[in-house]
PDB file of N, CA and C in Angstrom:
ATOM      1  N   MET A   1      -4.468  50.232  59.671  1.00  0.00           N
ATOM      2  CA  MET A   1      -4.875  48.886  59.327  1.00  0.00           C
ATOM      3  C   MET A   1      -5.646  47.957  60.038  1.00  0.00           C
ATOM      4  N   PRO A   2      -6.734  47.593  58.717  1.00  0.00           N
ATOM      5  CA  PRO A   2      -7.678  46.739  59.423  1.00  0.00           C
ATOM      6  C   PRO A   2      -7.006  45.395  60.339  1.00  0.00           C
ATOM      7  N   ASP A   3      -7.721  45.127  61.338  1.00  0.00           N
ATOM      8  CA  ASP A   3      -7.972  43.642  61.378  1.00  0.00           C
ATOM      9  C   ASP A   3      -7.868  42.663  60.565  1.00  0.00           C
ATOM     10  N   GLN A   4      -7.313  41.335  60.846  1.00  0.00           N
ATOM     11  CA  GLN A   4      -7.324  40.475  59.691  1.00  0.00           C
ATOM     12  C   GLN A   4      -7.228  39.841  61.325  1.00  0.00           C
ATOM     13  N   LYS A   5      -7.779  38.128  60.896  1.00  0.00           N
ATOM     14  CA  LYS A   5      -7.503  36.840  61.298  1.00  0.00           C
ATOM     15  C   LYS A   5      -6.659  36.121  60.823  1.00  0.00           C
ATOM     16  N   ILE A   6      -6.130  35.702  61.050  1.00  0.00           N
ATOM     17  CA  ILE A   6      -4.817  33.962  60.257  1.00  0.00           C
ATOM     18  C   ILE A   6      -4.844  32.962  61.067  1.00  0.00           C
ATOM     19  N   GLU A   7      -5.350  31.985  59.677  1.00  0.00           N
ATOM     20  CA  GLU A   7      -5.426  30.796  60.707  1.00  0.00           C
ATOM     21  C   GLU A   7      -3.737  30.247  60.586  1.00  0.00           C
ATOM     22  N   ASN A   8      -4.182  30.046  61.811  1.00  0.00           N
ATOM     23  CA  ASN A   8      -2.519  28.895  62.593  1.00  0.00           C
ATOM     24  C   ASN A   8      -3.136  27.460  61.573  1.00  0.00           C
ATOM     25  N   ARG A   9      -1.739  26.935  60.835  1.00  0.00           N
ATOM     26  CA  ARG A   9      -2.290  26.194  59.720  1.00  0.00           C
ATOM     27  C   ARG A   9      -0.818  25.045  60.297  1.00  0.00           C
ATOM     28  N   ASP A  10      -0.635  23.853  60.197  1.00  0.00           N
ATOM     29  CA  ASP A  10       0.626  23.755  59.817  1.00  0.00           C
ATOM     30  C   ASP A  10       0.996  22.891  58.492  1.00  0.00           C
ATOM     31  N   GLU A  11      -0.086  22.782  57.910  1.00  0.00           N
ATOM     32  CA  GLU A  11       0.865  22.727  55.968  1.00  0.00           C
ATOM     33  C   GLU A  11      -0.357  24.034  54.882  1.00  0.00           C
ATOM     34  N   ALA A  12      -0.148  23.534  54.162  1.00  0.00           N
ATOM     35  CA  ALA A  12      -0.827  24.071  53.357  1.00  0.00           C
ATOM     36  C   ALA A  12      -2.744  23.469  53.191  1.00  0.00           C
ATOM     37  N   ARG A  13      -3.090  23.697  52.810  1.00  0.00           N
ATOM     38  CA  ARG A  13      -4.671  22.730  52.213  1.00  0.00           C
ATOM     39  C   ARG A  13      -4.002  22.995  50.721  1.00  0.00           C
ATOM     40  N   LYS A  14      -4.827  22.204  50.454  1.00  0.00           N
ATOM     41  CA  LYS A  14      -4.800  21.310  48.343  1.00  0.00           C
ATOM     42  C   LYS A  14      -5.942  21.746  48.064  1.00  0.00           C
ATOM     43  N   LYS A  15      -6.656  23.123  46.582  1.00  0.00           N
ATOM     44  CA  LYS A  15      -7.603  23.539  46.307  1.00  0.00           C
ATOM     45  C   LYS A  15      -7.897  21.976  46.265  1.00  0.00           C
ATOM     46  N   LYS A  16      -9.385  22.016  45.763  1.00  0.00           N
ATOM     47  CA  LYS A  16     -10.397  19.958  45.419  1.00  0.00           C
ATOM     48  C   LYS A  16     -11.524  20.647  45.338  1.00  0.00           C
ATOM     49  N   GLU A  17     -12.750  20.431  44.656  1.00  0.00           N
ATOM     50  CA  GLU A  17     -13.846  20.334  44.963  1.00  0.00           C
ATOM     51  C   GLU A  17     -13.762  18.494  44.787  1.00  0.00           C
ATOM     52  N   ILE A  18     -14.468  18.030  46.270  1.00  0.00           N
ATOM     53  CA  ILE A  18     -14.852  16.910  45.826  1.00  0.00           C
ATOM     54  C   ILE A  18     -17.073  16.102  46.104  1.00  0.00           C
ATOM     55  N   PRO A  19     -17.782  16.064  45.454  1.00  0.00           N
ATOM     56  CA  PRO A  19     -19.000  16.064  45.634  1.00  0.00           C
ATOM     57  C   PRO A  19     -19.125  14.799  46.555  1.00  0.00           C
ATOM     58  N   PHE A  20     -20.408  14.997  48.190  1.00  0.00           N
ATOM     59  CA  PHE A  20     -20.698  14.258  48.863  1.00  0.00           C
ATOM     60  C   PHE A  20     -21.743  14.598  49.869  1.00  0.00           C
ATOM     61  N   ILE A  21     -22.318  14.093  49.781  1.00  0.00           N
ATOM     62  CA  ILE A  21     -23.398  13.866  50.302  1.00  0.00           C
ATOM     63  C   ILE A  21     -22.855  14.231  52.223  1.00  0.00           C
ATOM     64  N   PHE A  22     -23.603  15.365  52.543  1.00  0.00           N
ATOM     65  CA  PHE A  22     -23.754  15.738  54.016  1.00  0.00           C
ATOM     66  C   PHE A  22     -25.360  15.798  54.906  1.00  0.00           C
ATOM     67  N   ILE A  23     -24.983  13.824  55.305  1.00  0.00           N
ATOM     68  CA  ILE A  23     -26.335  13.992  56.151  1.00  0.00           C
ATOM     69  C   ILE A  23     -26.570  14.417  57.630  1.00  0.00           C
ATOM     70  N   CYS A  24     -27.751  15.387  57.761  1.00  0.00           N
ATOM     71  CA  CYS A  24     -28.065  16.049  58.950  1.00  0.00           C
ATOM     72  C   CYS A  24     -29.172  15.681  58.965  1.00  0.00           C
ATOM     73  N   LYS A  25     -29.712  15.487  59.874  1.00  0.00           N
ATOM     74  CA  LYS A  25     -31.037  14.612  61.100  1.00  0.00           C
ATOM     75  C   LYS A  25     -31.779  14.551  59.743  1.00  0.00           C
ATOM     76  N   LYS A  26     -31.826  13.487  59.382  1.00  0.00           N
ATOM     77  CA  LYS A  26     -31.927  12.666  58.124  1.00  0.00           C
ATOM     78  C   LYS A  26     -31.988  12.961  56.981  1.00  0.00           C
ATOM     79  N   ARG A  27     -31.534  13.884  56.845  1.00  0.00           N
ATOM     80  CA  ARG A  27     -31.277  14.369  55.839  1.00  0.00           C
ATOM     81  C   ARG A  27     -30.426  14.600  54.509  1.00  0.00           C
ATOM     82  N   HIS A  28     -30.246  14.094  53.303  1.00  0.00           N
ATOM     83  CA  HIS A  28     -29.628  13.733  52.276  1.00  0.00           C
ATOM     84  C   HIS A  28     -28.385  15.022  51.799  1.00  0.00           C
ATOM     85  N   LEU A  29     -28.059  16.170  51.903  1.00  0.00           N
ATOM     86  CA  LEU A  29     -27.873  16.970  51.754  1.00  0.00           C
ATOM     87  C   LEU A  29     -26.700  17.305  50.129  1.00  0.00           C
ATOM     88  N   ASP A  30     -26.834  18.258  49.376  1.00  0.00           N
ATOM     89  CA  ASP A  30     -25.589  17.152  48.016  1.00  0.00           C
ATOM     90  C   ASP A  30     -24.491  18.859  49.218  1.00  0.00           C
ATOM     91  N   ALA A  31     -23.493  18.331  49.014  1.00  0.00           N
ATOM     92  CA  ALA A  31     -22.150  19.520  49.269  1.00  0.00           C
ATOM     93  C   ALA A  31     -21.562  19.195  48.500  1.00  0.00           C
ATOM     94  N   SER A  32     -19.831  19.572  48.990  1.00  0.00           N
ATOM     95  CA  SER A  32     -18.393  19.373  48.739  1.00  0.00           C
ATOM     96  C   SER A  32     -17.556  19.818  48.998  1.00  0.00           C
ATOM     97  N   THR A  33     -16.570  19.701  49.090  1.00  0.00           N
ATOM     98  CA  THR A  33     -15.219  20.380  49.520  1.00  0.00           C
ATOM     99  C   THR A  33     -14.562  21.283  48.918  1.00  0.00           C
ATOM    100  N   ILE A  34     -14.112  22.185  49.725  1.00  0.00           N
ATOM    101  CA  ILE A  34     -13.116  23.531  49.160  1.00  0.00           C
ATOM    102  C   ILE A  34     -11.768  23.181  49.410  1.00  0.00           C
ATOM    103  N   ASP A  35     -11.952  22.839  50.145  1.00  0.00           N
ATOM    104  CA  ASP A  35      -9.573  22.603  50.399  1.00  0.00           C
ATOM    105  C   ASP A  35      -9.693  21.533  51.077  1.00  0.00           C
ATOM    106  N   TYR A  36      -8.805  20.772  51.272  1.00  0.00           N
ATOM    107  CA  TYR A  36      -7.918  19.934  52.431  1.00  0.00           C
ATOM    108  C   TYR A  36      -7.032  19.927  52.865  1.00  0.00           C
ATOM    109  N   SER A  37      -6.457  19.280  53.594  1.00  0.00           N
ATOM    110  CA  SER A  37      -5.260  18.895  54.163  1.00  0.00           C
ATOM    111  C   SER A  37      -5.822  18.186  55.005  1.00  0.00           C
ATOM    112  N   SER A  38      -4.599  17.236  55.738  1.00  0.00           N
ATOM    113  CA  SER A  38      -4.379  15.847  56.344  1.00  0.00           C
ATOM    114  C   SER A  38      -5.117  16.422  57.647  1.00  0.00           C
ATOM    115  N   ASN A  39      -4.461  17.419  57.920  1.00  0.00           N
ATOM    116  CA  ASN A  39      -5.816  17.797  59.592  1.00  0.00           C
ATOM    117  C   ASN A  39      -6.819  18.595  59.563  1.00  0.00           C
ATOM    118  N   GLY A  40      -7.140  18.901  57.750  1.00  0.00           N
ATOM    119  CA  GLY A  40      -8.585  19.555  58.451  1.00  0.00           C
ATOM    120  C   GLY A  40      -9.367  19.946  56.792  1.00  0.00           C
ATOM    121  N   LEU A  41     -10.361  20.286  56.651  1.00  0.00           N
ATOM    122  CA  LEU A  41     -10.727  21.095  55.068  1.00  0.00           C
ATOM    123  C   LEU A  41     -12.110  22.103  55.827  1.00  0.00           C
ATOM    124  N   SER A  42     -12.663  22.744  54.170  1.00  0.00           N
ATOM    125  CA  SER A  42     -13.624  23.511  54.437  1.00  0.00           C
ATOM    126  C   SER A  42     -14.986  22.913  53.287  1.00  0.00           C
ATOM    127  N   ILE A  43     -15.192  23.109  53.433  1.00  0.00           N
ATOM    128  CA  ILE A  43     -16.685  22.487  52.543  1.00  0.00           C
ATOM    129  C   ILE A  43     -17.909  23.207  52.000  1.00  0.00           C
ATOM    130  N   LYS A  44     -18.075  23.516  51.747  1.00  0.00           N
ATOM    131  CA  LYS A  44     -20.094  23.761  50.757  1.00  0.00           C
ATOM    132  C   LYS A  44     -20.674  22.498  51.258  1.00  0.00           C
ATOM    133  N   ILE A  45     -22.161  23.730  52.169  1.00  0.00           N
ATOM    134  CA  ILE A  45     -23.533  22.449  51.770  1.00  0.00           C
ATOM    135  C   ILE A  45     -24.352  23.461  50.953  1.00  0.00           C
ATOM    136  N   TYR A  46     -24.784  23.239  50.499  1.00  0.00           N
ATOM    137  CA  TYR A  46     -25.498  23.659  49.295  1.00  0.00           C
ATOM    138  C   TYR A  46     -27.048  23.492  49.657  1.00  0.00           C
ATOM    139  N   LYS A  47     -27.119  24.408  51.422  1.00  0.00           N
ATOM    140  CA  LYS A  47     -29.097  24.415  51.377  1.00  0.00           C
ATOM    141  C   LYS A  47     -28.028  25.045  52.628  1.00  0.00           C
ATOM    142  N   LYS A  48     -28.724  25.620  53.441  1.00  0.00           N
ATOM    143  CA  LYS A  48     -28.739  26.535  54.809  1.00  0.00           C
ATOM    144  C   LYS A  48     -28.617  26.228  55.692  1.00  0.00           C
ATOM    145  N   VAL A  49     -27.451  25.177  56.950  1.00  0.00           N
ATOM    146  CA  VAL A  49     -28.132  24.256  58.221  1.00  0.00           C
ATOM    147  C   VAL A  49     -27.287  24.493  59.692  1.00  0.00           C
ATOM    148  N   SER A  50     -27.982  25.035  60.662  1.00  0.00           N
ATOM    149  CA  SER A  50     -27.640  24.558  61.620  1.00  0.00           C
ATOM    150  C   SER A  50     -26.378  23.681  61.870  1.00  0.00           C
ATOM    151  N   LEU A  51     -25.253  24.660  61.807  1.00  0.00           N
ATOM    152  CA  LEU A  51     -24.513  23.388  61.506  1.00  0.00           C
ATOM    153  C   LEU A  51     -23.179  24.484  62.935  1.00  0.00           C
ATOM    154  N   PRO A  52     -23.719  24.277  64.277  1.00  0.00           N
ATOM    155  CA  PRO A  52     -23.258  24.963  65.731  1.00  0.00           C
ATOM    156  C   PRO A  52     -21.633  24.336  65.207  1.00  0.00           C
ATOM    157  N   VAL A  53     -20.945  25.368  65.598  1.00  0.00           N
ATOM    158  CA  VAL A  53     -19.538  25.144  66.244  1.00  0.00           C
ATOM    159  C   VAL A  53     -18.802  24.813  67.072  1.00  0.00           C
ATOM    160  N   GLY A  54     -18.355  23.788  67.436  1.00  0.00           N
ATOM    161  CA  GLY A  54     -17.527  22.659  68.177  1.00  0.00           C
ATOM    162  C   GLY A  54     -18.154  21.147  68.219  1.00  0.00           C
ATOM    163  N   ASP A  55     -19.536  20.729  67.521  1.00  0.00           N
ATOM    164  CA  ASP A  55     -19.822  19.733  68.108  1.00  0.00           C
ATOM    165  C   ASP A  55     -19.328  19.367  66.106  1.00  0.00           C
ATOM    166  N   ILE A  56     -19.039  17.765  66.561  1.00  0.00           N
ATOM    167  CA  ILE A  56     -17.964  16.724  65.724  1.00  0.00           C
ATOM    168  C   ILE A  56     -19.127  15.631  64.052  1.00  0.00           C
ATOM    169  N   VAL A  57     -18.272  16.411  63.590  1.00  0.00           N
ATOM    170  CA  VAL A  57     -18.862  15.211  62.478  1.00  0.00           C
ATOM    171  C   VAL A  57     -17.741  14.231  61.735  1.00  0.00           C
ATOM    172  N   SER A  58     -18.445  13.560  61.663  1.00  0.00           N
ATOM    173  CA  SER A  58     -18.483  12.016  61.110  1.00  0.00           C
ATOM    174  C   SER A  58     -18.196  11.409  59.820  1.00  0.00           C
ATOM    175  N   LEU A  59     -16.825  11.754  58.814  1.00  0.00           N
ATOM    176  CA  LEU A  59     -16.695  12.008  58.006  1.00  0.00           C
ATOM    177  C   LEU A  59     -16.426  10.556  56.934  1.00  0.00           C
ATOM    178  N   HIS A  60     -17.140   9.404  56.094  1.00  0.00           N
ATOM    179  CA  HIS A  60     -17.172   8.501  56.145  1.00  0.00           C
ATOM    180  C   HIS A  60     -16.227   8.286  54.311  1.00  0.00           C
ATOM    181  N   THR A  61     -15.056   7.491  54.503  1.00  0.00           N
ATOM    182  CA  THR A  61     -15.386   7.284  52.702  1.00  0.00           C
ATOM    183  C   THR A  61     -14.923   6.225  52.542  1.00  0.00           C
ATOM    184  N   ASN A  62     -14.451   6.097  51.460  1.00  0.00           N
ATOM    185  CA  ASN A  62     -13.752   4.776  51.057  1.00  0.00           C
ATOM    186  C   ASN A  62     -14.010   4.415  51.950  1.00  0.00           C
ATOM    187  N   ASP A  63     -12.399   3.495  52.612  1.00  0.00           N
ATOM    188  CA  ASP A  63     -11.358   2.913  53.015  1.00  0.00           C
ATOM    189  C   ASP A  63     -12.092   3.820  54.940  1.00  0.00           C
ATOM    190  N   SER A  64     -12.135   4.868  54.856  1.00  0.00           N
ATOM    191  CA  SER A  64     -11.936   4.836  56.667  1.00  0.00           C
ATOM    192  C   SER A  64     -12.936   5.876  56.953  1.00  0.00           C
ATOM    193  N   VAL A  65     -12.595   6.428  57.966  1.00  0.00           N
ATOM    194  CA  VAL A  65     -14.021   6.431  59.264  1.00  0.00           C
ATOM    195  C   VAL A  65     -12.969   7.996  59.849  1.00  0.00           C
ATOM    196  N   VAL A  66     -13.666   9.404  60.254  1.00  0.00           N
ATOM    197  CA  VAL A  66     -12.759  10.311  60.876  1.00  0.00           C
ATOM    198  C   VAL A  66     -13.244  11.300  61.180  1.00  0.00           C
ATOM    199  N   LYS A  67     -12.720  11.936  62.492  1.00  0.00           N
ATOM    200  CA  LYS A  67     -13.627  12.651  63.247  1.00  0.00           C
ATOM    201  C   LYS A  67     -13.139  13.686  63.315  1.00  0.00           C
ATOM    202  N   ALA A  68     -14.253  14.813  62.758  1.00  0.00           N
ATOM    203  CA  ALA A  68     -13.817  15.729  62.432  1.00  0.00           C
ATOM    204  C   ALA A  68     -14.672  17.449  63.696  1.00  0.00           C
ATOM    205  N   LYS A  69     -13.928  18.067  64.031  1.00  0.00           N
ATOM    206  CA  LYS A  69     -14.413  19.172  64.849  1.00  0.00           C
ATOM    207  C   LYS A  69     -14.838  20.181  63.794  1.00  0.00           C
ATOM    208  N   VAL A  70     -16.491  21.394  63.949  1.00  0.00           N
ATOM    209  CA  VAL A  70     -16.433  22.804  63.069  1.00  0.00           C
ATOM    210  C   VAL A  70     -15.867  23.797  64.241  1.00  0.00           C
ATOM    211  N   MET A  71     -14.801  24.325  63.683  1.00  0.00           N
ATOM    212  CA  MET A  71     -14.079  25.292  63.488  1.00  0.00           C
ATOM    213  C   MET A  71     -14.327  26.394  63.882  1.00  0.00           C
ATOM    214  N   TRP A  72     -15.476  25.722  62.358  1.00  0.00           N
ATOM    215  CA  TRP A  72     -15.976  28.339  61.490  1.00  0.00           C
ATOM    216  C   TRP A  72     -17.685  27.572  60.491  1.00  0.00           C
ATOM    217  N   VAL A  73     -18.420  28.290  60.442  1.00  0.00           N
ATOM    218  CA  VAL A  73     -19.118  28.187  59.885  1.00  0.00           C
ATOM    219  C   VAL A  73     -19.426  29.740  59.152  1.00  0.00           C
ATOM    220  N   LYS A  74     -19.566  30.536  58.290  1.00  0.00           N
ATOM    221  CA  LYS A  74     -20.175  31.169  57.293  1.00  0.00           C
ATOM    222  C   LYS A  74     -20.828  30.392  56.645  1.00  0.00           C
ATOM    223  N   LYS A  75     -22.249  31.908  57.160  1.00  0.00           N
ATOM    224  CA  LYS A  75     -23.582  31.366  55.751  1.00  0.00           C
ATOM    225  C   LYS A  75     -23.963  33.246  55.097  1.00  0.00           C
ATOM    226  N   GLU A  76     -22.959  33.851  55.810  1.00  0.00           N
ATOM    227  CA  GLU A  76     -23.184  34.876  54.511  1.00  0.00           C
ATOM    228  C   GLU A  76     -22.980  35.323  53.806  1.00  0.00           C
ATOM    229  N   ILE A  77     -21.954  34.262  53.125  1.00  0.00           N
ATOM    230  CA  ILE A  77     -20.678  33.995  51.563  1.00  0.00           C
ATOM    231  C   ILE A  77     -21.742  34.174  50.125  1.00  0.00           C
ATOM    232  N   ASP A  78     -22.530  33.168  50.862  1.00  0.00           N
ATOM    233  CA  ASP A  78     -23.115  32.728  49.531  1.00  0.00           C
ATOM    234  C   ASP A  78     -24.597  31.800  50.186  1.00  0.00           C
ATOM    235  N   PRO A  79     -25.851  33.268  50.245  1.00  0.00           N
ATOM    236  CA  PRO A  79     -26.952  33.154  50.321  1.00  0.00           C
ATOM    237  C   PRO A  79     -27.690  31.733  50.359  1.00  0.00           C
ATOM    238  N   HIS A  80     -27.323  30.900  49.828  1.00  0.00           N
ATOM    239  CA  HIS A  80     -28.041  29.374  49.212  1.00  0.00           C
ATOM    240  C   HIS A  80     -27.309  28.670  50.219  1.00  0.00           C
ATOM    241  N   ALA A  81     -26.098  29.085  50.413  1.00  0.00           N
ATOM    242  CA  ALA A  81     -25.224  27.337  50.883  1.00  0.00           C
ATOM    243  C   ALA A  81     -24.785  27.885  52.600  1.00  0.00           C
ATOM    244  N   THR A  82     -24.210  26.655  53.427  1.00  0.00           N
ATOM    245  CA  THR A  82     -23.704  26.982  54.520  1.00  0.00           C
ATOM    246  C   THR A  82     -22.174  26.667  54.363  1.00  0.00           C
ATOM    247  N   ILE A  83     -20.987  27.392  54.750  1.00  0.00           N
ATOM    248  CA  ILE A  83     -19.710  26.987  54.191  1.00  0.00           C
ATOM    249  C   ILE A  83     -19.189  27.173  55.671  1.00  0.00           C
ATOM    250  N   ALA A  84     -18.228  25.348  55.606  1.00  0.00           N
ATOM    251  CA  ALA A  84     -17.424  24.918  56.919  1.00  0.00           C
ATOM    252  C   ALA A  84     -16.180  25.215  57.778  1.00  0.00           C
ATOM    253  N   GLY A  85     -15.258  25.213  58.258  1.00  0.00           N
ATOM    254  CA  GLY A  85     -14.066  24.315  58.608  1.00  0.00           C
ATOM    255  C   GLY A  85     -13.938  23.533  59.748  1.00  0.00           C
ATOM    256  N   LEU A  86     -13.414  22.634  59.233  1.00  0.00           N
ATOM    257  CA  LEU A  86     -13.128  20.885  60.112  1.00  0.00           C
ATOM    258  C   LEU A  86     -12.461  21.197  59.922  1.00  0.00           C
ATOM    259  N   LYS A  87     -11.572  20.448  61.801  1.00  0.00           N
ATOM    260  CA  LYS A  87     -10.651  20.609  61.558  1.00  0.00           C
ATOM    261  C   LYS A  87     -10.587  18.996  62.130  1.00  0.00           C
ATOM    262  N   ILE A  88      -9.758  17.843  62.019  1.00  0.00           N
ATOM    263  CA  ILE A  88      -9.730  15.897  62.333  1.00  0.00           C
ATOM    264  C   ILE A  88      -9.115  16.542  63.371  1.00  0.00           C
ATOM    265  N   VAL A  89      -9.717  15.624  64.434  1.00  0.00           N
ATOM    266  CA  VAL A  89      -9.697  15.487  65.899  1.00  0.00           C
ATOM    267  C   VAL A  89      -9.631  13.951  65.986  1.00  0.00           C
ATOM    268  N   GLU A  90      -9.290  12.614  65.413  1.00  0.00           N
ATOM    269  CA  GLU A  90      -9.559  11.873  65.311  1.00  0.00           C
ATOM    270  C   GLU A  90      -9.494  10.835  63.720  1.00  0.00           C
ATOM    271  N   GLY A  91      -8.219   9.821  63.365  1.00  0.00           N
ATOM    272  CA  GLY A  91      -8.408   9.127  62.542  1.00  0.00           C
ATOM    273  C   GLY A  91      -7.708   9.729  61.527  1.00  0.00           C
ATOM    274  N   LYS A  92      -7.284   9.773  60.168  1.00  0.00           N
ATOM    275  CA  LYS A  92      -6.288  10.226  59.423  1.00  0.00           C
ATOM    276  C   LYS A  92      -7.635   9.971  58.283  1.00  0.00           C
ATOM    277  N   LEU A  93      -7.243  11.375  57.638  1.00  0.00           N
ATOM    278  CA  LEU A  93      -8.039  11.923  55.848  1.00  0.00           C
ATOM    279  C   LEU A  93      -7.000  11.637  55.124  1.00  0.00           C
ATOM    280  N   ASN A  94      -8.365  10.706  54.260  1.00  0.00           N
ATOM    281  CA  ASN A  94      -7.355  10.566  52.940  1.00  0.00           C
ATOM    282  C   ASN A  94      -8.149  10.862  51.396  1.00  0.00           C
ATOM    283  N   LEU A  95      -8.565  11.880  51.156  1.00  0.00           N
ATOM    284  CA  LEU A  95      -8.702  12.089  50.356  1.00  0.00           C
ATOM    285  C   LEU A  95      -8.709  11.374  48.667  1.00  0.00           C
ATOM    286  N   LYS A  96      -7.571  10.426  48.323  1.00  0.00           N
ATOM    287  CA  LYS A  96      -6.735  10.829  46.785  1.00  0.00           C
ATOM    288  C   LYS A  96      -8.189   9.033  46.761  1.00  0.00           C
ATOM    289  N   GLY A  97      -8.804   9.783  45.095  1.00  0.00           N
ATOM    290  CA  GLY A  97      -9.619   8.945  45.099  1.00  0.00           C
ATOM    291  C   GLY A  97     -10.769   8.556  45.680  1.00  0.00           C
ATOM    292  N   THR A  98     -10.742   9.563  46.416  1.00  0.00           N
ATOM    293  CA  THR A  98     -12.777   9.704  46.339  1.00  0.00           C
ATOM    294  C   THR A  98     -13.201  10.377  45.817  1.00  0.00           C
ATOM    295  N   ARG A  99     -14.475   9.453  45.511  1.00  0.00           N
ATOM    296  CA  ARG A  99     -15.546  10.764  44.546  1.00  0.00           C
ATOM    297  C   ARG A  99     -16.681  10.725  44.981  1.00  0.00           C
ATOM    298  N   LYS A 100     -17.183   9.656  44.606  1.00  0.00           N
ATOM    299  CA  LYS A 100     -19.030  10.099  45.283  1.00  0.00           C
ATOM    300  C   LYS A 100     -19.400   8.895  46.121  1.00  0.00           C
ATOM    301  N   ASN A 101     -18.404   8.045  46.750  1.00  0.00           N
ATOM    302  CA  ASN A 101     -18.840   7.102  47.740  1.00  0.00           C
ATOM    303  C   ASN A 101     -18.095   7.924  49.580  1.00  0.00           C
ATOM    304  N   MET A 102     -18.714   8.781  49.531  1.00  0.00           N
ATOM    305  CA  MET A 102     -18.066  10.294  50.542  1.00  0.00           C
ATOM    306  C   MET A 102     -19.208  10.352  51.199  1.00  0.00           C
ATOM    307  N   SER A 103     -19.881  10.758  52.637  1.00  0.00           N
ATOM    308  CA  SER A 103     -19.803  11.151  53.341  1.00  0.00           C
ATOM    309  C   SER A 103     -20.284  11.332  54.418  1.00  0.00           C
ATOM    310  N   LEU A 104     -20.915  12.626  55.224  1.00  0.00           N
ATOM    311  CA  LEU A 104     -20.058  13.152  56.024  1.00  0.00           C
ATOM    312  C   LEU A 104     -21.528  13.916  57.487  1.00  0.00           C
ATOM    313  N   THR A 105     -21.341  12.836  58.379  1.00  0.00           N
ATOM    314  CA  THR A 105     -23.278  12.884  58.961  1.00  0.00           C
ATOM    315  C   THR A 105     -22.544  13.313  60.197  1.00  0.00           C
ATOM    316  N   MET A 106     -23.238  14.485  60.580  1.00  0.00           N
ATOM    317  CA  MET A 106     -23.587  15.062  61.826  1.00  0.00           C
ATOM    318  C   MET A 106     -23.849  14.428  62.637  1.00  0.00           C
ATOM    319  N   ILE A 107     -22.943  14.224  64.864  1.00  0.00           N
ATOM    320  CA  ILE A 107     -23.304  13.316  65.473  1.00  0.00           C
ATOM    321  C   ILE A 107     -23.869  14.536  66.649  1.00  0.00           C
ATOM    322  N   SER A 108     -25.172  13.474  66.374  1.00  0.00           N
ATOM    323  CA  SER A 108     -26.169  13.656  67.389  1.00  0.00           C
ATOM    324  C   SER A 108     -26.851  13.280  68.846  1.00  0.00           C
ATOM    325  N   PRO A 109     -26.207  12.886  70.018  1.00  0.00           N
ATOM    326  CA  PRO A 109     -25.510  15.336  70.577  1.00  0.00           C
ATOM    327  C   PRO A 109     -24.001  14.570  69.792  1.00  0.00           C
ATOM    328  N   PRO A 110     -23.152  15.495  70.222  1.00  0.00           N
ATOM    329  CA  PRO A 110     -21.242  15.134  70.293  1.00  0.00           C
ATOM    330  C   PRO A 110     -20.654  13.910  70.603  1.00  0.00           C
ATOM    331  N   LEU A 111     -20.364  12.811  70.529  1.00  0.00           N
ATOM    332  CA  LEU A 111     -19.752  12.312  71.221  1.00  0.00           C
ATOM    333  C   LEU A 111     -18.828  12.394  71.929  1.00  0.00           C
ATOM    334  N   LEU A 112     -18.384  12.441  72.826  1.00  0.00           N
ATOM    335  CA  LEU A 112     -16.868  12.039  73.950  1.00  0.00           C
ATOM    336  C   LEU A 112     -15.642  10.944  73.007  1.00  0.00           C
ATOM    337  N   LEU A 113     -14.530  12.345  72.696  1.00  0.00           N
ATOM    338  CA  LEU A 113     -13.307  11.456  71.603  1.00  0.00           C
ATOM    339  C   LEU A 113     -12.431  11.461  72.435  1.00  0.00           C
ATOM    340  N   ARG A 114     -11.681   9.679  72.431  1.00  0.00           N
ATOM    341  CA  ARG A 114     -10.426   9.161  73.339  1.00  0.00           C
ATOM    342  C   ARG A 114     -10.203  10.500  73.678  1.00  0.00           C
ATOM    343  N   GLY A 115     -10.918  10.328  74.882  1.00  0.00           N
ATOM    344  CA  GLY A 115      -9.292  11.632  76.019  1.00  0.00           C
ATOM    345  C   GLY A 115     -10.143  12.498  76.569  1.00  0.00           C
ATOM    346  N   GLU A 116     -11.486  12.740  75.844  1.00  0.00           N
ATOM    347  CA  GLU A 116     -12.090  13.704  76.484  1.00  0.00           C
ATOM    348  C   GLU A 116     -12.461  13.265  78.377  1.00  0.00           C
ATOM    349  N   LYS A 117     -12.724  13.913  78.599  1.00  0.00           N
ATOM    350  CA  LYS A 117     -13.705  13.896  79.708  1.00  0.00           C
ATOM    351  C   LYS A 117     -15.507  15.404  79.762  1.00  0.00           C
TER     352      LYS A 117
END
């Protein structure tokens, strides 16, 4: 039997494509969500970018800011895009009613979150 990677998630992901702007090193790139839950989301950035696993990103929506950790990155699925999985580490993700007023920003260097040393 081939090896299979099984992700442990507390809840099912909702598939929903929400376009947004990914801001990385002062570049504004088109991106969209693939799926999401209250604990994390998968995103597609329509450009090849360096997105190190373990880095922290800041997700700005209409009414909140959420910090998320890059858990995995796949560049081989689409030759012109970067796909990544993010885990929410601070804040609460609320994408209801969100469309164009959302952006995702790389925090560089990664900031310490509350409780980290």
